[in-house]
């Protein structure tokens, strides 16, 4: 009897978990929607095309596996990061969870754990949700500000006070901006001149040095040693050879 009850309980749990998690929207997205904005190459002799990736991702500049866009396009966010959409769009790309309110499903600090950047970037009228209704590989998502199902806050620096090094919060827009002399997405800033990442001035710098010492020995009063040994006397009145 106990075994039967356990089996029934497991079935109920699986059914409930299936209801909570839906398929990632990217799995059913037509990539042809992005051909006009993405630099692509043909796959063999077929009509299918593959995006030309290898560019820094706008939501994570350390990641260089994102799309190369045409002049009329801008990069999509995760998980559609290998494609571009129209520059005029103010929403996320189709295929991103709740793309109407989500620009990228990862890359922004989580409002409940600001050390993690696995959470969503929201549109101006969206807010970051803690509960994920999609599969884990889809990442996080946002929903409309008035949504009762979404337990989060808008992804603005006035709500999530976490800008990158060499960046500050622009109060009018609520967006993090890199300071003068730096460029980036506000979470990651790079020196415009050197291209190196901004460094926290409080961080200790460690240097590793390799030194080699050589000694040369000559006979006493030998003319082979052309430079006289004149050592400055110390303040004690003694001199050393």
Protein backbone atom coordinates (compact mmCIF):
# COMPACT_ATOMS: atom_id res chain seq x y z
CA UNK A 1 0.00 0.00 0.00
CA UNK A 2 2.87 2.37 0.86
CA UNK A 3 4.60 1.63 -2.43
CA UNK A 4 1.43 2.46 -4.39
CA UNK A 5 1.05 5.78 -2.55
CA UNK A 6 4.68 6.73 -3.25
CA UNK A 7 4.29 5.98 -6.96
CA UNK A 8 1.10 8.06 -7.14
CA UNK A 9 2.82 10.92 -5.36
CA UNK A 10 5.73 10.88 -7.81
CA UNK A 11 3.33 10.95 -10.76
CA UNK A 12 1.55 13.99 -9.31
CA UNK A 13 4.88 15.78 -8.75
CA UNK A 14 5.98 15.16 -12.34
CA UNK A 15 2.66 16.41 -13.71
CA UNK A 16 2.80 19.55 -11.59
CA UNK A 17 6.43 20.26 -12.54
CA UNK A 18 5.47 19.82 -16.19
CA UNK A 19 2.81 22.47 -15.80
CA UNK A 20 5.25 24.96 -14.29
CA UNK A 21 7.95 24.59 -16.97
CA UNK A 22 7.14 25.25 -20.59
CA UNK A 23 9.31 24.84 -23.65
CA UNK A 24 11.90 27.45 -24.42
CA UNK A 25 10.37 29.86 -26.99
CA UNK A 26 13.64 29.76 -28.94
CA UNK A 27 12.93 26.14 -29.88
CA UNK A 28 9.98 27.13 -32.05
CA UNK A 29 11.24 30.45 -33.43
CA UNK A 30 11.60 30.95 -37.18
CA UNK A 31 15.12 32.27 -37.74
CA UNK A 32 14.10 33.71 -41.11
CA UNK A 33 12.65 36.61 -39.14
CA UNK A 34 16.23 37.74 -38.45
CA UNK A 35 17.86 37.19 -41.87
CA UNK A 36 17.33 40.83 -42.91
CA UNK A 37 19.32 42.11 -39.91
CA UNK A 38 21.97 39.41 -39.35
CA UNK A 39 25.15 38.68 -41.29
CA UNK A 40 24.71 35.04 -42.33
CA UNK A 41 26.24 32.36 -44.52
CA UNK A 42 24.53 29.57 -46.40
CA UNK A 43 24.68 26.03 -44.98
CA UNK A 44 26.00 23.94 -47.84
CA UNK A 45 23.69 23.99 -50.86
CA UNK A 46 20.52 24.35 -48.82
CA UNK A 47 18.48 27.53 -48.40
CA UNK A 48 19.09 27.47 -44.68
CA UNK A 49 21.51 30.00 -43.31
CA UNK A 50 23.73 30.20 -40.25
CA UNK A 51 24.59 33.42 -38.45
CA UNK A 52 28.16 34.67 -38.49
CA UNK A 53 28.91 34.84 -34.77
CA UNK A 54 32.14 35.70 -32.95
CA UNK A 55 31.17 39.18 -31.75
CA UNK A 56 31.11 40.48 -28.14
CA UNK A 57 27.62 40.10 -26.64
CA UNK A 58 25.98 43.36 -25.58
CA UNK A 59 24.65 41.74 -22.38
CA UNK A 60 28.01 40.13 -21.49
CA UNK A 61 30.98 41.75 -23.21
CA UNK A 62 33.33 38.97 -22.10
CA UNK A 63 31.32 36.52 -24.19
CA UNK A 64 32.39 36.72 -27.84
CA UNK A 65 29.91 34.26 -29.28
CA UNK A 66 27.17 36.63 -30.45
CA UNK A 67 25.86 37.71 -33.83
CA UNK A 68 27.42 40.07 -36.31
CA UNK A 69 24.67 42.48 -37.34
CA UNK A 70 24.01 44.35 -40.56
CA UNK A 71 23.91 48.15 -40.47
CA UNK A 72 20.15 48.10 -39.83
CA UNK A 73 20.29 45.54 -37.03
CA UNK A 74 21.14 45.16 -33.36
CA UNK A 75 22.02 42.05 -31.37
CA UNK A 76 19.39 39.93 -29.71
CA UNK A 77 19.82 38.87 -26.10
CA UNK A 78 20.17 35.36 -24.68
CA UNK A 79 19.14 32.72 -25.88
CA UNK A 80 18.71 34.31 -29.34
CA UNK A 81 22.16 35.92 -29.08
CA UNK A 82 23.36 34.62 -32.46
CA UNK A 83 20.76 36.71 -34.29
CA UNK A 84 19.92 40.38 -34.77
CA UNK A 85 16.68 42.31 -35.02
CA UNK A 86 15.68 45.76 -36.26
CA UNK A 87 17.37 48.70 -34.58
CA UNK A 88 13.95 50.29 -34.22
CA UNK A 89 12.59 47.54 -31.97
CA UNK A 90 12.12 48.37 -28.29
CA UNK A 91 11.35 44.77 -27.33
CA UNK A 92 13.44 41.66 -27.05
CA UNK A 93 13.78 39.27 -30.00
CA UNK A 94 11.21 36.59 -30.65
CA UNK A 95 12.44 33.41 -29.01
CA UNK A 96 13.43 35.11 -25.75
CA UNK A 97 11.11 34.20 -22.84
CA UNK A 98 8.39 36.88 -22.62
CA UNK A 99 10.26 38.89 -25.26
CA UNK A 100 7.75 41.76 -25.02
CA UNK A 101 9.29 42.63 -21.64
CA UNK A 102 12.65 40.78 -21.77
CA UNK A 103 15.69 42.05 -23.69
CA UNK A 104 17.97 39.21 -22.58
CA UNK A 105 17.33 36.18 -20.38
CA UNK A 106 20.71 36.57 -18.64
CA UNK A 107 23.50 39.08 -18.01
CA UNK A 108 21.88 41.38 -15.42
CA UNK A 109 22.40 41.22 -11.63
CA UNK A 110 19.59 39.37 -9.86
CA UNK A 111 17.69 41.65 -7.50
CA UNK A 112 17.86 38.97 -4.78
CA UNK A 113 21.54 38.09 -5.43
CA UNK A 114 23.48 40.96 -6.98
CA UNK A 115 26.68 38.89 -7.18
CA UNK A 116 24.96 36.76 -9.82
CA UNK A 117 24.47 38.03 -13.38
CA UNK A 118 22.28 35.14 -14.50
CA UNK A 119 19.09 37.20 -14.53
CA UNK A 120 17.15 39.04 -17.20
CA UNK A 121 17.53 42.51 -18.70
CA UNK A 122 14.06 44.08 -18.91
CA UNK A 123 12.49 46.61 -21.23
CA UNK A 124 11.50 49.99 -19.79
CA UNK A 125 8.02 48.66 -18.95
CA UNK A 126 9.13 45.29 -17.57
CA UNK A 127 10.36 43.92 -14.26
CA UNK A 128 12.68 41.07 -13.36
CA UNK A 129 10.89 37.92 -12.16
CA UNK A 130 12.40 35.56 -9.61
CA UNK A 131 10.20 32.59 -10.50
CA UNK A 132 11.15 30.92 -13.79
CA UNK A 133 8.24 29.47 -15.77
CA UNK A 134 10.47 28.16 -18.55
CA UNK A 135 13.15 25.47 -18.81
CA UNK A 136 16.49 26.29 -17.18
CA UNK A 137 18.33 26.61 -20.51
CA UNK A 138 16.06 29.51 -21.45
CA UNK A 139 17.38 31.65 -18.60
CA UNK A 140 15.39 34.17 -16.58
CA UNK A 141 12.62 36.48 -17.82
CA UNK A 142 10.71 39.69 -17.16
CA UNK A 143 7.03 40.52 -17.15
CA UNK A 144 4.94 43.67 -17.19
CA UNK A 145 5.28 45.88 -14.14
CA UNK A 146 1.66 45.32 -13.12
CA UNK A 147 1.90 41.52 -13.28
CA UNK A 148 0.88 39.84 -10.02
CA UNK A 149 2.61 36.59 -11.03
CA UNK A 150 5.97 38.32 -11.29
CA UNK A 151 7.53 38.90 -7.87
CA UNK A 152 10.40 41.12 -9.02
CA UNK A 153 11.46 44.69 -9.69
CA UNK A 154 12.42 46.71 -12.81
CA UNK A 155 16.03 46.31 -13.98
CA UNK A 156 17.03 49.90 -13.27
CA UNK A 157 19.90 51.09 -11.12
CA UNK A 158 17.40 52.93 -8.94
CA UNK A 159 15.85 49.57 -8.03
CA UNK A 160 18.89 47.28 -8.36
CA UNK A 161 21.79 49.40 -7.17
CA UNK A 162 24.57 47.52 -8.93
CA UNK A 163 26.55 49.27 -11.66
CA UNK A 164 29.88 48.04 -12.96
CA UNK A 165 33.34 49.38 -12.15
CA UNK A 166 33.88 52.83 -13.73
CA UNK A 167 30.11 53.22 -14.21
CA UNK A 168 27.45 55.26 -12.45
CA UNK A 169 23.66 55.34 -12.29
CA UNK A 170 21.92 57.74 -14.64
CA UNK A 171 18.92 58.69 -12.53
CA UNK A 172 16.72 60.02 -15.35
CA UNK A 173 16.87 56.81 -17.40
CA UNK A 174 17.56 54.43 -14.51
CA UNK A 175 20.38 52.87 -16.53
CA UNK A 176 24.01 52.30 -15.59
CA UNK A 177 26.41 54.23 -17.82
CA UNK A 178 30.18 53.94 -18.16
CA UNK A 179 32.04 57.04 -17.01
CA UNK A 180 33.91 59.44 -19.29
CA UNK A 181 36.82 57.68 -20.98
CA UNK A 182 35.13 54.27 -20.80
CA UNK A 183 32.69 52.38 -23.01
CA UNK A 184 30.51 49.37 -22.34
CA UNK A 185 27.06 48.26 -21.21
CA UNK A 186 27.15 49.82 -17.75
CA UNK A 187 27.88 46.49 -16.08
CA UNK A 188 31.22 46.04 -17.83
CA UNK A 189 33.29 49.07 -18.84
CA UNK A 190 36.49 49.24 -20.90
CA UNK A 191 39.11 51.95 -21.27
CA UNK A 192 38.47 53.67 -24.62
CA UNK A 193 42.21 54.16 -25.23
CA UNK A 194 43.70 50.82 -24.16
CA UNK A 195 40.65 48.57 -24.46
CA UNK A 196 41.42 47.03 -21.08
CA UNK A 197 38.66 46.31 -18.52
CA UNK A 198 38.11 48.92 -15.81
CA UNK A 199 39.88 48.00 -12.57
CA UNK A 200 38.56 48.61 -9.09
CA UNK A 201 40.98 51.10 -7.46
CA UNK A 202 40.52 49.25 -4.18
CA UNK A 203 41.85 46.03 -5.69
CA UNK A 204 45.40 45.10 -4.74
CA UNK A 205 47.71 44.58 -7.70
CA UNK A 206 50.07 41.61 -7.61
CA UNK A 207 53.28 41.70 -9.65
CA UNK A 208 55.53 38.79 -10.47
CA UNK A 209 59.17 39.69 -11.17
CA UNK A 210 62.05 37.60 -12.40
CA UNK A 211 65.53 38.88 -11.45
CA UNK A 212 69.04 37.67 -12.27
CA UNK A 213 72.22 38.73 -10.49
CA UNK A 214 75.70 38.42 -12.03
CA UNK A 215 79.05 38.80 -10.25
CA UNK A 216 82.32 39.57 -12.05
CA UNK A 217 85.68 38.99 -10.32
CA UNK A 218 88.91 40.70 -11.38
CA UNK A 219 92.44 40.64 -9.93
CA UNK A 220 93.22 43.37 -7.41
CA UNK A 221 94.09 46.69 -9.12
CA UNK A 222 93.61 45.09 -12.51
CA UNK A 223 93.08 47.42 -15.51
CA UNK A 224 90.38 45.04 -16.69
CA UNK A 225 88.00 46.66 -14.24
CA UNK A 226 87.57 50.09 -15.84
CA UNK A 227 84.93 51.52 -13.51
CA UNK A 228 86.28 52.54 -10.11
CA UNK A 229 84.45 51.29 -7.07
CA UNK A 230 83.32 54.45 -5.27
CA UNK A 231 80.62 53.68 -2.85
CA UNK A 232 78.96 56.51 -1.01
CA UNK A 233 79.67 56.43 2.67
CA UNK A 234 76.70 55.73 4.88
CA UNK A 235 75.48 58.21 7.49
CA UNK A 236 77.44 56.28 10.11
CA UNK A 237 80.71 57.41 8.56
CA UNK A 238 81.62 53.93 7.30
CA UNK A 239 82.14 52.93 3.69
CA UNK A 240 81.86 49.44 2.22
CA UNK A 241 83.46 47.64 -0.72
